[in-house]
């Protein structure tokens, strides 16, 4: 028998983006009142909060997420029912290890459920629009995580979804990774016996190699948001987009951070507390591999390059790593490496994000 409850319009207006730290507005208040299991009709009356980039949450929101991640990591049993009965749709246009496993395990540990949706297996792979996909998934699920090629796909999902949309990776940004990186560094720099996101303020991270990618972009945005200096080192042909650099410098102006882009190792690495790199050839760039290896050969993170930073500097990588290309095995597997701490912290940082966006904490 058909329900007599009035259905929402079949073509709802695009939803505005509401950031995590915009929780004081009346729409978020209605979201909390509706509760985590609100109907599709209730969802259509409020704007969801999305996470497409760390700038969506702002400085206070990012620090709050880091603190929440730390609390969840320390006492996971306290959060086992935080998302009870809720489901996360996970759209994958690109293959994944860490993103898929950390989100799926995270939802289970929070009492919820995650659905793996390969783009090839969905109707979106046969021509269904992203807008229609967003509307349909909003009727079934409480959140959407998407790992996509084009950032514009995420923006369209967020525009039409009535549930939170999370950027699991795009060609522009990888904010879940850099929040895990920030958590890892804050654990390292905090005073003994306590966790303090403010320990990142004034620290310096240097990204080395192919800087015209989503990791360099996200590290600049995240560092600037949290008050951490970020230098980017690489050949000029591989420098980041100027619009991203300008955005990061604008954010840095509010937190006291400094953003530097250079092709001079001594300048970029001086005083660095952390050195970060990523693969030189990303998915979709395989035909460029030989050229990239030649162009970037002088920017491998090895013992000589690490010696230009602080003596206690750590090494970071989002993985997978190609030892002998962007990083030497000596550094990647050495005592300064934090790569597996970062990988683990994907789980904890994303659990905090899921609780914040889908758990209606207020």
Protein backbone atom coordinates (compact mmCIF):
# COMPACT_ATOMS: atom_id res chain seq x y z
CA UNK A 1 0.00 0.00 0.00
CA UNK A 2 1.33 3.43 -0.88
CA UNK A 3 2.25 5.78 1.93
CA UNK A 4 0.11 8.88 2.39
CA UNK A 5 3.15 10.88 3.52
CA UNK A 6 3.79 13.73 1.12
CA UNK A 7 6.85 12.98 -1.02
CA UNK A 8 9.54 15.56 -1.72
CA UNK A 9 9.69 17.08 -5.20
CA UNK A 10 11.05 14.68 -7.82
CA UNK A 11 13.61 17.29 -8.89
CA UNK A 12 14.68 19.09 -5.69
CA UNK A 13 16.66 22.26 -5.91
CA UNK A 14 20.44 21.82 -5.62
CA UNK A 15 21.58 21.86 -2.00
CA UNK A 16 24.01 24.51 -0.75
CA UNK A 17 27.19 23.31 0.91
CA UNK A 18 27.24 23.64 4.69
CA UNK A 19 30.58 23.14 6.41
CA UNK A 20 31.24 21.26 9.64
CA UNK A 21 31.81 24.38 11.67
CA UNK A 22 28.65 26.04 10.36
CA UNK A 23 26.61 24.11 12.91
CA UNK A 24 25.01 27.16 14.49
CA UNK A 25 22.59 27.90 11.66
CA UNK A 26 18.93 26.99 11.74
CA UNK A 27 19.21 24.33 9.03
CA UNK A 28 21.71 22.34 11.08
CA UNK A 29 19.44 22.72 14.08
CA UNK A 30 16.64 21.10 12.11
CA UNK A 31 19.03 18.32 11.11
CA UNK A 32 19.71 17.53 14.74
CA UNK A 33 16.04 17.62 15.59
CA UNK A 34 15.28 15.23 12.74
CA UNK A 35 17.74 12.66 14.11
CA UNK A 36 20.06 10.24 12.32
CA UNK A 37 17.25 8.20 10.76
CA UNK A 38 15.29 11.08 9.25
CA UNK A 39 13.15 10.26 6.24
CA UNK A 40 13.97 11.39 2.73
CA UNK A 41 11.28 14.03 3.06
CA UNK A 42 12.92 15.42 6.19
CA UNK A 43 16.31 15.42 4.51
CA UNK A 44 14.97 17.42 1.58
CA UNK A 45 14.09 20.27 3.96
CA UNK A 46 17.64 20.81 5.21
CA UNK A 47 21.07 21.32 3.72
CA UNK A 48 23.55 18.55 4.48
CA UNK A 49 27.11 19.26 5.55
CA UNK A 50 29.72 18.13 3.02
CA UNK A 51 33.47 17.56 3.20
CA UNK A 52 35.02 18.18 -0.20
CA UNK A 53 38.12 19.91 1.19
CA UNK A 54 39.60 20.83 4.56
CA UNK A 55 38.70 24.45 3.86
CA UNK A 56 35.05 23.35 4.16
CA UNK A 57 35.49 22.92 7.91
CA UNK A 58 37.76 25.88 8.69
CA UNK A 59 40.45 26.09 11.35
CA UNK A 60 38.20 25.46 14.36
CA UNK A 61 36.41 22.63 12.60
CA UNK A 62 39.64 20.94 11.54
CA UNK A 63 41.03 21.12 15.07
CA UNK A 64 37.78 19.76 16.43
CA UNK A 65 37.94 16.83 14.02
CA UNK A 66 41.53 16.05 15.04
CA UNK A 67 40.60 16.11 18.72
CA UNK A 68 37.59 13.86 18.05
CA UNK A 69 39.76 11.46 16.03
CA UNK A 70 42.19 11.20 18.92
CA UNK A 71 39.37 10.48 21.38
CA UNK A 72 37.87 7.82 19.12
CA UNK A 73 41.30 6.25 18.61
CA UNK A 74 41.94 6.06 22.36
CA UNK A 75 38.50 4.74 23.34
CA UNK A 76 37.01 2.99 20.28
CA UNK A 77 34.52 1.02 22.38
CA UNK A 78 32.79 4.26 23.40
CA UNK A 79 31.79 4.86 19.76
CA UNK A 80 30.57 1.41 18.72
CA UNK A 81 26.96 2.54 18.31
CA UNK A 82 27.60 6.12 17.17
CA UNK A 83 26.23 5.38 13.68
CA UNK A 84 24.02 2.39 14.51
CA UNK A 85 21.62 1.61 11.69
CA UNK A 86 23.22 4.05 9.26
CA UNK A 87 24.63 3.28 5.81
CA UNK A 88 27.40 4.91 3.77
CA UNK A 89 27.39 4.60 -0.01
CA UNK A 90 30.97 4.39 -1.31
CA UNK A 91 31.38 5.25 -5.01
CA UNK A 92 34.70 4.23 -6.57
CA UNK A 93 35.71 5.43 -10.02
CA UNK A 94 39.36 4.71 -9.08
CA UNK A 95 40.76 1.61 -7.42
CA UNK A 96 41.77 1.81 -3.77
CA UNK A 97 43.25 -0.03 -0.81
CA UNK A 98 43.38 2.41 2.12
CA UNK A 99 40.30 4.47 1.24
CA UNK A 100 38.00 1.50 0.79
CA UNK A 101 39.20 -0.51 3.78
CA UNK A 102 39.38 2.41 6.22
CA UNK A 103 35.91 3.71 5.40
CA UNK A 104 34.31 0.26 5.35
CA UNK A 105 35.95 -0.85 8.60
CA UNK A 106 35.27 2.54 10.15
CA UNK A 107 31.54 2.32 9.47
CA UNK A 108 31.41 -1.20 10.96
CA UNK A 109 33.30 -0.08 14.07
CA UNK A 110 30.81 2.78 14.51
CA UNK A 111 27.84 0.39 14.27
CA UNK A 112 26.89 1.21 10.70
CA UNK A 113 27.25 -0.33 7.27
CA UNK A 114 29.15 0.59 4.11
CA UNK A 115 28.28 -0.33 0.53
CA UNK A 116 31.02 -0.62 -2.09
CA UNK A 117 29.74 0.75 -5.40
CA UNK A 118 32.07 0.43 -8.37
CA UNK A 119 31.23 3.00 -11.02
CA UNK A 120 31.46 0.22 -13.62
CA UNK A 121 28.73 -1.72 -11.82
CA UNK A 122 26.35 1.21 -11.35
CA UNK A 123 24.01 2.79 -13.85
CA UNK A 124 26.23 5.87 -13.66
CA UNK A 125 28.63 3.84 -15.79
CA UNK A 126 25.90 3.47 -18.43
CA UNK A 127 24.87 7.08 -18.67
CA UNK A 128 22.76 7.85 -15.59
CA UNK A 129 23.48 11.39 -14.47
CA UNK A 130 25.41 12.21 -11.33
CA UNK A 131 22.50 14.37 -10.21
CA UNK A 132 20.06 11.46 -10.41
CA UNK A 133 22.53 9.16 -8.70
CA UNK A 134 22.87 11.65 -5.83
CA UNK A 135 19.09 11.91 -5.46
CA UNK A 136 18.58 8.14 -5.46
CA UNK A 137 21.39 7.37 -3.01
CA UNK A 138 20.05 10.08 -0.70
CA UNK A 139 16.81 8.05 -0.44
CA UNK A 140 18.67 4.90 0.61
CA UNK A 141 21.75 5.98 2.53
CA UNK A 142 22.82 8.40 5.26
CA UNK A 143 26.03 9.54 3.56
CA UNK A 144 28.00 9.27 0.32
CA UNK A 145 31.77 8.90 -0.01
CA UNK A 146 33.16 9.17 -3.53
CA UNK A 147 36.64 8.50 -4.96
CA UNK A 148 36.57 10.07 -8.39
CA UNK A 149 38.68 11.28 -11.28
CA UNK A 150 37.19 14.75 -11.67
CA UNK A 151 36.53 17.08 -8.73
CA UNK A 152 33.53 18.45 -10.63
CA UNK A 153 31.82 15.07 -10.14
CA UNK A 154 32.05 15.53 -6.37
CA UNK A 155 30.71 19.06 -6.61
CA UNK A 156 27.72 17.81 -8.58
CA UNK A 157 27.09 15.01 -6.09
CA UNK A 158 27.13 17.56 -3.28
CA UNK A 159 24.87 19.90 -5.22
CA UNK A 160 22.08 17.35 -5.54
CA UNK A 161 22.52 15.03 -2.54
CA UNK A 162 20.39 15.42 0.57
CA UNK A 163 22.99 13.60 2.69
CA UNK A 164 26.63 14.45 3.44
CA UNK A 165 29.12 13.91 0.61
CA UNK A 166 32.74 13.12 1.50
CA UNK A 167 35.69 13.49 -0.86
CA UNK A 168 37.52 10.16 -0.79
CA UNK A 169 39.89 11.52 -3.46
CA UNK A 170 39.62 13.68 -6.57
CA UNK A 171 42.07 15.05 -9.09
CA UNK A 172 42.06 18.33 -7.13
CA UNK A 173 42.14 17.30 -3.46
CA UNK A 174 42.66 14.37 -1.09
CA UNK A 175 41.48 15.86 2.22
CA UNK A 176 40.86 12.59 4.10
CA UNK A 177 44.52 11.70 3.63
CA UNK A 178 45.79 15.07 4.81
CA UNK A 179 43.56 15.02 7.89
CA UNK A 180 45.15 11.65 8.73
CA UNK A 181 48.56 13.23 8.11
CA UNK A 182 47.70 16.12 10.42
CA UNK A 183 46.58 13.66 13.10
CA UNK A 184 49.88 11.78 12.73
CA UNK A 185 51.94 14.94 13.07
CA UNK A 186 49.90 16.27 15.99
CA UNK A 187 50.50 12.98 17.82
CA UNK A 188 54.23 13.41 17.19
CA UNK A 189 54.45 17.07 18.21
CA UNK A 190 52.00 17.18 21.14
CA UNK A 191 53.36 17.40 24.69
CA UNK A 192 53.92 14.05 26.40
CA UNK A 193 50.72 12.73 27.94
CA UNK A 194 48.20 14.79 26.00
CA UNK A 195 47.02 15.54 22.48
CA UNK A 196 46.96 19.12 21.19
CA UNK A 197 46.11 20.10 17.58
CA UNK A 198 47.73 23.48 18.30
CA UNK A 199 51.08 21.67 18.36
CA UNK A 200 51.03 21.95 14.55
CA UNK A 201 51.15 25.75 14.62
CA UNK A 202 54.53 26.99 13.41
CA UNK A 203 55.75 23.55 12.33
CA UNK A 204 57.02 23.12 8.77
CA UNK A 205 56.22 20.41 6.22
CA UNK A 206 58.02 20.19 2.87
CA UNK A 207 56.38 18.35 -0.02
CA UNK A 208 58.86 17.07 -2.63
CA UNK A 209 58.43 15.91 -6.23
CA UNK A 210 55.42 16.15 -8.51
CA UNK A 211 53.60 19.08 -6.92
CA UNK A 212 50.97 19.47 -9.64
CA UNK A 213 48.73 16.94 -7.94
CA UNK A 214 46.01 16.51 -5.34
CA UNK A 215 48.39 15.71 -2.48
CA UNK A 216 50.43 18.90 -2.80
CA UNK A 217 47.18 20.85 -3.14
CA UNK A 218 45.64 19.31 -0.04
CA UNK A 219 48.77 19.62 2.06
CA UNK A 220 48.96 23.34 1.31
CA UNK A 221 45.28 23.85 2.14
CA UNK A 222 45.41 21.69 5.28
CA UNK A 223 48.67 23.16 6.53
CA UNK A 224 47.46 26.71 5.99
CA UNK A 225 44.17 25.94 7.75
CA UNK A 226 45.97 24.52 10.80
CA UNK A 227 48.73 27.16 11.00
CA UNK A 228 51.51 24.93 9.67
CA UNK A 229 54.10 26.23 7.20
CA UNK A 230 54.22 24.28 3.92
CA UNK A 231 56.95 24.45 1.31
CA UNK A 232 56.62 22.73 -2.06
CA UNK A 233 59.77 21.56 -3.82
CA UNK A 234 59.90 20.41 -7.43
CA UNK A 235 60.80 21.40 -10.99
CA UNK A 236 58.83 24.35 -12.32
CA UNK A 237 56.97 22.22 -14.86
CA UNK A 238 55.50 20.28 -11.92
CA UNK A 239 54.50 23.18 -9.69
CA UNK A 240 50.94 23.37 -8.31
CA UNK A 241 48.17 25.37 -9.89
CA UNK A 242 48.52 29.06 -9.01
CA UNK A 243 44.87 29.26 -7.97
CA UNK A 244 45.46 26.60 -5.29
CA UNK A 245 48.61 28.37 -4.10
CA UNK A 246 46.71 31.66 -3.88
CA UNK A 247 43.89 29.98 -1.94
CA UNK A 248 46.36 28.42 0.48
CA UNK A 249 48.16 31.74 0.99
CA UNK A 250 44.85 33.44 1.73
CA UNK A 251 44.08 30.82 4.38
CA UNK A 252 47.64 31.10 5.71
CA UNK A 253 47.18 34.82 6.18
CA UNK A 254 44.50 34.02 8.77
CA UNK A 255 46.58 31.49 10.75
CA UNK A 256 50.13 32.86 10.48
CA UNK A 257 51.33 30.04 8.22
CA UNK A 258 53.62 30.51 5.23
CA UNK A 259 53.30 28.83 1.82
CA UNK A 260 56.44 28.62 -0.35
CA UNK A 261 56.91 27.04 -3.79
CA UNK A 262 60.50 26.49 -4.90
CA UNK A 263 62.83 24.43 -7.08
CA UNK A 264 65.76 24.94 -4.68
CA UNK A 265 66.16 22.09 -2.14
CA UNK A 266 68.13 24.10 0.42
CA UNK A 267 65.46 26.83 0.52
CA UNK A 268 62.47 24.51 0.67
CA UNK A 269 63.89 22.04 3.18
CA UNK A 270 65.51 24.41 5.66
CA UNK A 271 63.96 23.88 9.09
CA UNK A 272 61.47 21.26 7.86
CA UNK A 273 59.94 19.03 10.54
CA UNK A 274 58.40 16.65 8.02
CA UNK A 275 59.23 15.70 4.44
CA UNK A 276 56.43 14.34 2.28
CA UNK A 277 56.32 12.82 -1.18
CA UNK A 278 53.96 10.92 -3.47
CA UNK A 279 54.31 8.72 -6.54
CA UNK A 280 55.61 10.46 -9.63
CA UNK A 281 53.16 8.72 -11.95
CA UNK A 282 49.55 8.63 -10.76
CA UNK A 283 46.67 6.56 -12.11
CA UNK A 284 45.87 7.74 -15.62
CA UNK A 285 49.42 9.03 -16.27
CA UNK A 286 51.06 5.73 -17.16
CA UNK A 287 51.97 6.84 -20.70
CA UNK A 288 54.01 9.72 -19.20
CA UNK A 289 56.00 7.53 -16.84
CA UNK A 290 59.37 7.56 -18.63
CA UNK A 291 59.30 11.34 -19.09
CA UNK A 292 58.33 11.88 -15.47
CA UNK A 293 61.14 9.68 -14.20
CA UNK A 294 63.63 11.80 -16.16
CA UNK A 295 62.12 15.13 -15.12
CA UNK A 296 61.89 14.31 -11.41
CA UNK A 297 65.08 12.29 -10.97
CA UNK A 298 66.75 15.05 -8.94
CA UNK A 299 63.91 15.18 -6.42
CA UNK A 300 64.02 11.72 -4.89
CA UNK A 301 63.66 11.77 -1.10
CA UNK A 302 66.84 10.04 0.04
CA UNK A 303 69.34 10.37 2.87
CA UNK A 304 71.08 13.33 1.23
CA UNK A 305 67.83 15.25 0.84
CA UNK A 306 66.65 14.37 4.37
CA UNK A 307 69.92 15.80 5.68
CA UNK A 308 68.83 19.27 4.49
CA UNK A 309 65.91 19.28 6.94
CA UNK A 310 65.95 19.20 10.74
CA UNK A 311 67.89 16.27 12.24
CA UNK A 312 64.69 14.89 13.78
CA UNK A 313 62.56 15.39 10.66
CA UNK A 314 60.12 12.60 9.81
CA UNK A 315 59.29 11.11 6.42
CA UNK A 316 55.71 10.82 5.16
CA UNK A 317 54.03 9.23 2.14
CA UNK A 318 50.35 8.65 1.36
CA UNK A 319 51.14 5.24 -0.24
CA UNK A 320 51.49 3.24 -2.35
CA UNK A 321 55.23 3.97 -2.49
CA UNK A 322 57.59 3.16 -5.34
CA UNK A 323 60.92 2.60 -3.61
CA UNK A 324 63.80 3.64 -5.83
CA UNK A 325 61.72 6.29 -7.60
CA UNK A 326 60.23 9.09 -5.47
CA UNK A 327 61.84 7.74 -2.27
CA UNK A 328 64.77 5.51 -1.44
CA UNK A 329 64.10 2.27 0.42
CA UNK A 330 66.52 3.48 3.11
CA UNK A 331 64.28 6.42 3.95
CA UNK A 332 60.91 4.79 3.29
CA UNK A 333 61.63 1.89 5.63
CA UNK A 334 63.93 3.73 8.02
CA UNK A 335 63.44 5.00 11.57
CA UNK A 336 62.24 8.45 10.44
CA UNK A 337 59.35 7.00 8.42
CA UNK A 338 55.76 7.47 9.62
CA UNK A 339 54.09 5.93 6.59
CA UNK A 340 52.22 3.18 8.41
CA UNK A 341 51.12 5.50 11.23
CA UNK A 342 49.59 7.68 8.53
CA UNK A 343 47.88 4.69 6.95
CA UNK A 344 46.38 3.63 10.29
CA UNK A 345 45.23 7.15 11.05
CA UNK A 346 43.11 7.18 7.89
CA UNK A 347 40.76 4.96 9.91
CA UNK A 348 40.60 7.19 12.97
CA UNK A 349 40.43 10.52 11.14
CA UNK A 350 37.63 9.27 8.90
CA UNK A 351 35.67 7.80 11.81
CA UNK A 352 35.73 11.27 13.36
CA UNK A 353 34.53 12.78 10.09
CA UNK A 354 31.72 10.24 9.77
CA UNK A 355 30.58 10.84 13.34
CA UNK A 356 30.71 14.60 12.85
CA UNK A 357 28.78 14.63 9.59
CA UNK A 358 26.36 11.73 10.10
CA UNK A 359 26.14 11.46 13.89
CA UNK A 360 24.51 14.85 14.51
CA UNK A 361 26.73 15.81 17.44
CA UNK A 362 25.86 19.47 17.26
